[in-house]
Amino acid sequence: MSQEITTIEAAVNSTGIDINKAVAEAQAVGQLFEKMGIKEATLHNGNYFNHNLESNTKTVVTEGCIVQEQENTVTIILKKTNAAPLSAISEIDNQTQKALGSFAGKSQPWISQNKE
């Protein structure tokens, strides 16, 4: 248990993001949008939500944070504070350009033009 706490503290220190809060907020957004029947949304603040009905995967993306919830797992990807957006997104697989744009704090067209 002490190793787990150390890992969480290290993640918070290197990203500035509270993992527990990020997961709780992402799950709340997912539940709200699911109740409203929303499958995909990009918010004015740049945050992104997608519910893949085939795989029952909900993805909530904010700048520097991806929370993806599936039937039996929750995956969290955090961008380190000093990481360049393109460097960070180059390490991420299986996300749409919309999701990557939100994660990088950029737009989908920016991702399309700049990602290799």
N, C-alpha and C. Protein backbone atom coordinates (compact mmCIF):
# COMPACT_ATOMS: atom_id res chain seq x y z
N MET A 1 0.82 -1.20 0.00
CA MET A 1 0.00 0.00 0.00
C MET A 1 0.86 1.26 0.00
N SER A 2 1.95 1.26 0.75
CA SER A 2 2.79 2.46 0.78
C SER A 2 3.40 2.74 -0.59
N GLN A 3 3.70 1.70 -1.37
CA GLN A 3 4.22 1.90 -2.72
C GLN A 3 3.16 2.56 -3.60
N GLU A 4 1.90 2.13 -3.46
CA GLU A 4 0.81 2.72 -4.24
C GLU A 4 0.67 4.20 -3.92
N ILE A 5 0.71 4.57 -2.66
CA ILE A 5 0.58 5.96 -2.27
C ILE A 5 1.75 6.77 -2.82
N THR A 6 2.94 6.23 -2.75
CA THR A 6 4.11 6.91 -3.30
C THR A 6 3.95 7.14 -4.80
N THR A 7 3.42 6.16 -5.51
CA THR A 7 3.21 6.29 -6.95
C THR A 7 2.19 7.37 -7.25
N ILE A 8 1.10 7.40 -6.51
CA ILE A 8 0.07 8.43 -6.71
C ILE A 8 0.65 9.81 -6.40
N GLU A 9 1.38 9.92 -5.32
CA GLU A 9 2.00 11.20 -4.97
C GLU A 9 2.99 11.64 -6.06
N ALA A 10 3.75 10.70 -6.59
CA ALA A 10 4.70 11.03 -7.66
C ALA A 10 3.96 11.52 -8.90
N ALA A 11 2.84 10.88 -9.23
CA ALA A 11 2.05 11.31 -10.39
C ALA A 11 1.52 12.72 -10.19
N VAL A 12 1.01 13.00 -9.01
CA VAL A 12 0.50 14.35 -8.72
C VAL A 12 1.63 15.36 -8.81
N ASN A 13 2.78 15.01 -8.26
CA ASN A 13 3.92 15.94 -8.29
C ASN A 13 4.44 16.21 -9.70
N SER A 14 4.40 15.21 -10.59
CA SER A 14 4.95 15.41 -11.94
C SER A 14 3.92 15.93 -12.93
N THR A 15 2.63 15.91 -12.55
CA THR A 15 1.60 16.37 -13.48
C THR A 15 0.76 17.52 -12.94
N GLY A 16 0.70 17.67 -11.64
CA GLY A 16 -0.15 18.68 -11.04
C GLY A 16 -1.62 18.30 -11.03
N ILE A 17 -1.92 17.05 -11.35
CA ILE A 17 -3.31 16.58 -11.44
C ILE A 17 -3.58 15.57 -10.33
N ASP A 18 -4.65 15.79 -9.59
CA ASP A 18 -5.08 14.86 -8.54
C ASP A 18 -5.83 13.71 -9.22
N ILE A 19 -5.25 12.51 -9.19
CA ILE A 19 -5.82 11.37 -9.92
C ILE A 19 -7.21 11.02 -9.42
N ASN A 20 -7.39 10.97 -8.11
CA ASN A 20 -8.71 10.61 -7.57
C ASN A 20 -9.79 11.60 -8.00
N LYS A 21 -9.46 12.87 -7.96
CA LYS A 21 -10.41 13.90 -8.38
C LYS A 21 -10.69 13.80 -9.88
N ALA A 22 -9.65 13.57 -10.67
CA ALA A 22 -9.83 13.46 -12.13
C ALA A 22 -10.74 12.29 -12.48
N VAL A 23 -10.56 11.15 -11.84
CA VAL A 23 -11.40 9.98 -12.11
C VAL A 23 -12.83 10.24 -11.67
N ALA A 24 -13.01 10.79 -10.49
CA ALA A 24 -14.37 11.06 -9.98
C ALA A 24 -15.11 12.03 -10.90
N GLU A 25 -14.43 13.08 -11.34
CA GLU A 25 -15.06 14.06 -12.23
C GLU A 25 -15.38 13.45 -13.59
N ALA A 26 -14.48 12.64 -14.11
CA ALA A 26 -14.71 11.99 -15.41
C ALA A 26 -15.89 11.03 -15.32
N GLN A 27 -15.98 10.28 -14.25
CA GLN A 27 -17.10 9.35 -14.08
C GLN A 27 -18.42 10.10 -13.96
N ALA A 28 -18.41 11.24 -13.26
CA ALA A 28 -19.63 12.05 -13.13
C ALA A 28 -20.07 12.60 -14.49
N VAL A 29 -19.11 13.08 -15.28
CA VAL A 29 -19.41 13.58 -16.63
C VAL A 29 -19.97 12.45 -17.49
N GLY A 30 -19.32 11.29 -17.44
CA GLY A 30 -19.78 10.13 -18.21
C GLY A 30 -21.20 9.73 -17.85
N GLN A 31 -21.50 9.71 -16.57
CA GLN A 31 -22.86 9.34 -16.13
C GLN A 31 -23.88 10.37 -16.58
N LEU A 32 -23.55 11.65 -16.45
CA LEU A 32 -24.46 12.72 -16.86
C LEU A 32 -24.74 12.64 -18.36
N PHE A 33 -23.69 12.56 -19.18
CA PHE A 33 -23.87 12.52 -20.62
C PHE A 33 -24.61 11.25 -21.05
N GLU A 34 -24.33 10.13 -20.38
CA GLU A 34 -25.04 8.89 -20.70
C GLU A 34 -26.53 9.04 -20.42
N LYS A 35 -26.88 9.64 -19.29
CA LYS A 35 -28.30 9.89 -18.95
C LYS A 35 -28.97 10.76 -20.00
N MET A 36 -28.22 11.72 -20.53
CA MET A 36 -28.76 12.66 -21.51
C MET A 36 -28.76 12.07 -22.92
N GLY A 37 -28.19 10.89 -23.09
CA GLY A 37 -28.16 10.25 -24.39
C GLY A 37 -27.08 10.81 -25.31
N ILE A 38 -26.08 11.44 -24.74
CA ILE A 38 -25.01 12.04 -25.54
C ILE A 38 -23.92 11.01 -25.78
N LYS A 39 -23.61 10.79 -27.04
CA LYS A 39 -22.58 9.82 -27.43
C LYS A 39 -21.21 10.48 -27.54
N GLU A 40 -21.17 11.73 -28.03
CA GLU A 40 -19.91 12.44 -28.22
C GLU A 40 -20.16 13.93 -28.06
N ALA A 41 -19.21 14.60 -27.39
CA ALA A 41 -19.35 16.04 -27.20
C ALA A 41 -17.99 16.68 -27.02
N THR A 42 -17.83 17.86 -27.63
CA THR A 42 -16.68 18.72 -27.37
C THR A 42 -17.24 19.97 -26.72
N LEU A 43 -16.78 20.28 -25.53
CA LEU A 43 -17.30 21.41 -24.78
C LEU A 43 -16.57 22.70 -25.16
N HIS A 44 -17.17 23.83 -24.83
CA HIS A 44 -16.56 25.13 -25.16
C HIS A 44 -15.17 25.29 -24.55
N ASN A 45 -14.93 24.67 -23.39
CA ASN A 45 -13.62 24.80 -22.75
C ASN A 45 -12.58 23.85 -23.34
N GLY A 46 -12.95 23.06 -24.36
CA GLY A 46 -12.02 22.16 -25.02
C GLY A 46 -12.07 20.73 -24.52
N ASN A 47 -12.79 20.48 -23.43
CA ASN A 47 -12.91 19.12 -22.93
C ASN A 47 -13.71 18.28 -23.91
N TYR A 48 -13.46 16.97 -23.89
CA TYR A 48 -14.05 16.06 -24.89
C TYR A 48 -14.60 14.82 -24.19
N PHE A 49 -15.74 14.35 -24.68
CA PHE A 49 -16.37 13.13 -24.16
C PHE A 49 -16.75 12.24 -25.33
N ASN A 50 -16.52 10.94 -25.17
CA ASN A 50 -16.96 9.97 -26.16
C ASN A 50 -17.40 8.70 -25.46
N HIS A 51 -18.56 8.19 -25.88
CA HIS A 51 -19.04 6.89 -25.39
C HIS A 51 -19.14 5.96 -26.59
N ASN A 52 -18.20 5.03 -26.69
CA ASN A 52 -18.22 4.04 -27.74
C ASN A 52 -19.19 2.95 -27.33
N LEU A 53 -20.34 2.90 -27.97
CA LEU A 53 -21.40 1.96 -27.57
C LEU A 53 -21.03 0.51 -27.87
N GLU A 54 -20.22 0.29 -28.91
CA GLU A 54 -19.84 -1.09 -29.25
C GLU A 54 -18.97 -1.72 -28.16
N SER A 55 -18.01 -0.96 -27.67
CA SER A 55 -17.10 -1.50 -26.64
C SER A 55 -17.51 -1.07 -25.23
N ASN A 56 -18.55 -0.24 -25.13
CA ASN A 56 -18.99 0.34 -23.86
C ASN A 56 -17.83 1.02 -23.14
N THR A 57 -17.08 1.80 -23.90
CA THR A 57 -15.94 2.55 -23.36
C THR A 57 -16.30 4.02 -23.32
N LYS A 58 -16.14 4.61 -22.15
CA LYS A 58 -16.36 6.05 -21.99
C LYS A 58 -15.01 6.72 -21.81
N THR A 59 -14.79 7.78 -22.59
CA THR A 59 -13.53 8.52 -22.54
C THR A 59 -13.84 9.98 -22.25
N VAL A 60 -13.19 10.53 -21.22
CA VAL A 60 -13.30 11.95 -20.90
C VAL A 60 -11.89 12.51 -20.96
N VAL A 61 -11.74 13.59 -21.74
CA VAL A 61 -10.41 14.18 -21.94
C VAL A 61 -10.45 15.66 -21.58
N THR A 62 -9.50 16.05 -20.75
CA THR A 62 -9.26 17.45 -20.45
C THR A 62 -7.79 17.72 -20.80
N GLU A 63 -7.37 18.96 -20.76
CA GLU A 63 -5.98 19.25 -21.10
C GLU A 63 -5.06 18.52 -20.13
N GLY A 64 -4.24 17.64 -20.66
CA GLY A 64 -3.27 16.91 -19.87
C GLY A 64 -3.78 15.66 -19.18
N CYS A 65 -5.05 15.28 -19.42
CA CYS A 65 -5.61 14.13 -18.70
C CYS A 65 -6.63 13.39 -19.56
N ILE A 66 -6.43 12.08 -19.68
CA ILE A 66 -7.40 11.20 -20.33
C ILE A 66 -7.84 10.17 -19.30
N VAL A 67 -9.15 10.05 -19.10
CA VAL A 67 -9.70 9.00 -18.24
C VAL A 67 -10.61 8.16 -19.13
N GLN A 68 -10.27 6.89 -19.24
CA GLN A 68 -11.04 5.97 -20.09
C GLN A 68 -11.56 4.84 -19.21
N GLU A 69 -12.89 4.68 -19.21
CA GLU A 69 -13.51 3.65 -18.38
C GLU A 69 -14.15 2.59 -19.26
N GLN A 70 -13.77 1.34 -18.99
CA GLN A 70 -14.36 0.20 -19.67
C GLN A 70 -15.11 -0.63 -18.63
N GLU A 71 -15.58 -1.78 -19.05
CA GLU A 71 -16.37 -2.64 -18.17
C GLU A 71 -15.63 -2.96 -16.87
N ASN A 72 -14.37 -3.33 -16.97
CA ASN A 72 -13.63 -3.81 -15.79
C ASN A 72 -12.39 -3.01 -15.44
N THR A 73 -12.09 -1.96 -16.22
CA THR A 73 -10.87 -1.19 -15.95
C THR A 73 -11.11 0.31 -16.13
N VAL A 74 -10.24 1.07 -15.48
CA VAL A 74 -10.17 2.51 -15.69
C VAL A 74 -8.72 2.82 -16.02
N THR A 75 -8.50 3.50 -17.15
CA THR A 75 -7.15 3.86 -17.58
C THR A 75 -7.01 5.38 -17.48
N ILE A 76 -5.90 5.81 -16.91
CA ILE A 76 -5.64 7.23 -16.75
C ILE A 76 -4.32 7.55 -17.43
N ILE A 77 -4.32 8.57 -18.28
CA ILE A 77 -3.09 9.04 -18.92
C ILE A 77 -2.94 10.51 -18.54
N LEU A 78 -1.79 10.83 -17.97
CA LEU A 78 -1.51 12.20 -17.55
C LEU A 78 -0.28 12.72 -18.27
N LYS A 79 -0.34 13.97 -18.71
CA LYS A 79 0.82 14.61 -19.34
C LYS A 79 1.68 15.23 -18.25
N LYS A 80 2.97 14.94 -18.29
CA LYS A 80 3.88 15.57 -17.34
C LYS A 80 3.89 17.08 -17.58
N THR A 81 4.03 17.83 -16.52
CA THR A 81 3.96 19.28 -16.58
C THR A 81 4.87 19.89 -17.63
N ASN A 82 6.08 19.41 -17.73
CA ASN A 82 7.06 20.01 -18.66
C ASN A 82 7.07 19.37 -20.05
N ALA A 83 6.20 18.40 -20.29
CA ALA A 83 6.19 17.71 -21.59
C ALA A 83 5.57 18.60 -22.67
N ALA A 84 6.19 18.60 -23.82
CA ALA A 84 5.63 19.32 -24.97
C ALA A 84 4.41 18.55 -25.48
N PRO A 85 3.38 19.25 -25.92
CA PRO A 85 2.15 18.57 -26.38
C PRO A 85 2.41 17.50 -27.44
N LEU A 86 3.21 17.80 -28.46
CA LEU A 86 3.46 16.80 -29.51
C LEU A 86 4.23 15.60 -28.99
N SER A 87 5.16 15.83 -28.08
CA SER A 87 5.90 14.71 -27.50
C SER A 87 4.98 13.81 -26.70
N ALA A 88 4.08 14.42 -25.94
CA ALA A 88 3.16 13.64 -25.11
C ALA A 88 2.19 12.83 -25.98
N ILE A 89 1.59 13.46 -26.98
CA ILE A 89 0.60 12.73 -27.78
C ILE A 89 1.24 11.65 -28.64
N SER A 90 2.53 11.80 -28.94
CA SER A 90 3.19 10.77 -29.75
C SER A 90 3.31 9.44 -28.99
N GLU A 91 3.15 9.48 -27.68
CA GLU A 91 3.23 8.28 -26.85
C GLU A 91 1.87 7.63 -26.59
N ILE A 92 0.81 8.22 -27.14
CA ILE A 92 -0.55 7.74 -26.86
C ILE A 92 -1.11 7.02 -28.08
N ASP A 93 -1.60 5.81 -27.88
CA ASP A 93 -2.23 5.02 -28.94
C ASP A 93 -3.74 4.97 -28.72
N ASN A 94 -4.44 4.64 -29.76
CA ASN A 94 -5.88 4.33 -29.70
C ASN A 94 -6.76 5.48 -29.22
N GLN A 95 -6.42 6.70 -29.58
CA GLN A 95 -7.27 7.85 -29.28
C GLN A 95 -7.53 8.62 -30.57
N THR A 96 -8.70 9.21 -30.66
CA THR A 96 -9.05 9.99 -31.84
C THR A 96 -8.28 11.31 -31.85
N GLN A 97 -8.27 11.97 -33.00
CA GLN A 97 -7.63 13.28 -33.07
C GLN A 97 -8.36 14.29 -32.20
N LYS A 98 -9.67 14.16 -32.07
CA LYS A 98 -10.42 15.06 -31.17
C LYS A 98 -9.93 14.89 -29.74
N ALA A 99 -9.79 13.65 -29.30
CA ALA A 99 -9.32 13.38 -27.94
C ALA A 99 -7.89 13.90 -27.74
N LEU A 100 -7.03 13.65 -28.72
CA LEU A 100 -5.64 14.11 -28.62
C LEU A 100 -5.57 15.64 -28.60
N GLY A 101 -6.43 16.28 -29.37
CA GLY A 101 -6.48 17.74 -29.37
C GLY A 101 -6.84 18.29 -28.00
N SER A 102 -7.84 17.71 -27.38
CA SER A 102 -8.22 18.13 -26.02
C SER A 102 -7.09 17.89 -25.04
N PHE A 103 -6.45 16.73 -25.14
CA PHE A 103 -5.35 16.37 -24.24
C PHE A 103 -4.19 17.37 -24.38
N ALA A 104 -3.90 17.78 -25.61
CA ALA A 104 -2.80 18.69 -25.87
C ALA A 104 -3.17 20.15 -25.64
N GLY A 105 -4.45 20.42 -25.39
CA GLY A 105 -4.88 21.81 -25.26
C GLY A 105 -4.92 22.52 -26.59
N LYS A 106 -5.10 21.73 -27.64
CA LYS A 106 -5.12 22.25 -29.01
C LYS A 106 -6.43 21.79 -29.66
N SER A 107 -6.55 22.00 -30.95
CA SER A 107 -7.75 21.59 -31.69
C SER A 107 -7.47 20.32 -32.50
N GLN A 108 -8.53 19.69 -32.97
CA GLN A 108 -8.38 18.52 -33.83
C GLN A 108 -7.62 18.88 -35.10
N PRO A 109 -7.93 20.01 -35.77
CA PRO A 109 -7.16 20.38 -36.96
C PRO A 109 -5.67 20.58 -36.66
N TRP A 110 -5.34 21.13 -35.49
CA TRP A 110 -3.94 21.31 -35.11
C TRP A 110 -3.24 19.94 -35.02
N ILE A 111 -3.93 18.97 -34.42
CA ILE A 111 -3.38 17.62 -34.32
C ILE A 111 -3.17 17.05 -35.73
N SER A 112 -4.16 17.21 -36.58
CA SER A 112 -4.09 16.68 -37.95
C SER A 112 -2.89 17.27 -38.70
N GLN A 113 -2.63 18.55 -38.49
CA GLN A 113 -1.54 19.23 -39.20
C GLN A 113 -0.16 18.95 -38.61
N ASN A 114 -0.09 18.64 -37.33
CA ASN A 114 1.21 18.57 -36.66
C ASN A 114 1.66 17.18 -36.22
N LYS A 115 0.73 16.25 -36.08
CA LYS A 115 1.10 14.91 -35.62
C LYS A 115 1.68 14.12 -36.78
N GLU A 116 2.77 13.46 -36.50
CA GLU A 116 3.42 12.66 -37.56
C GLU A 116 2.73 11.34 -37.73
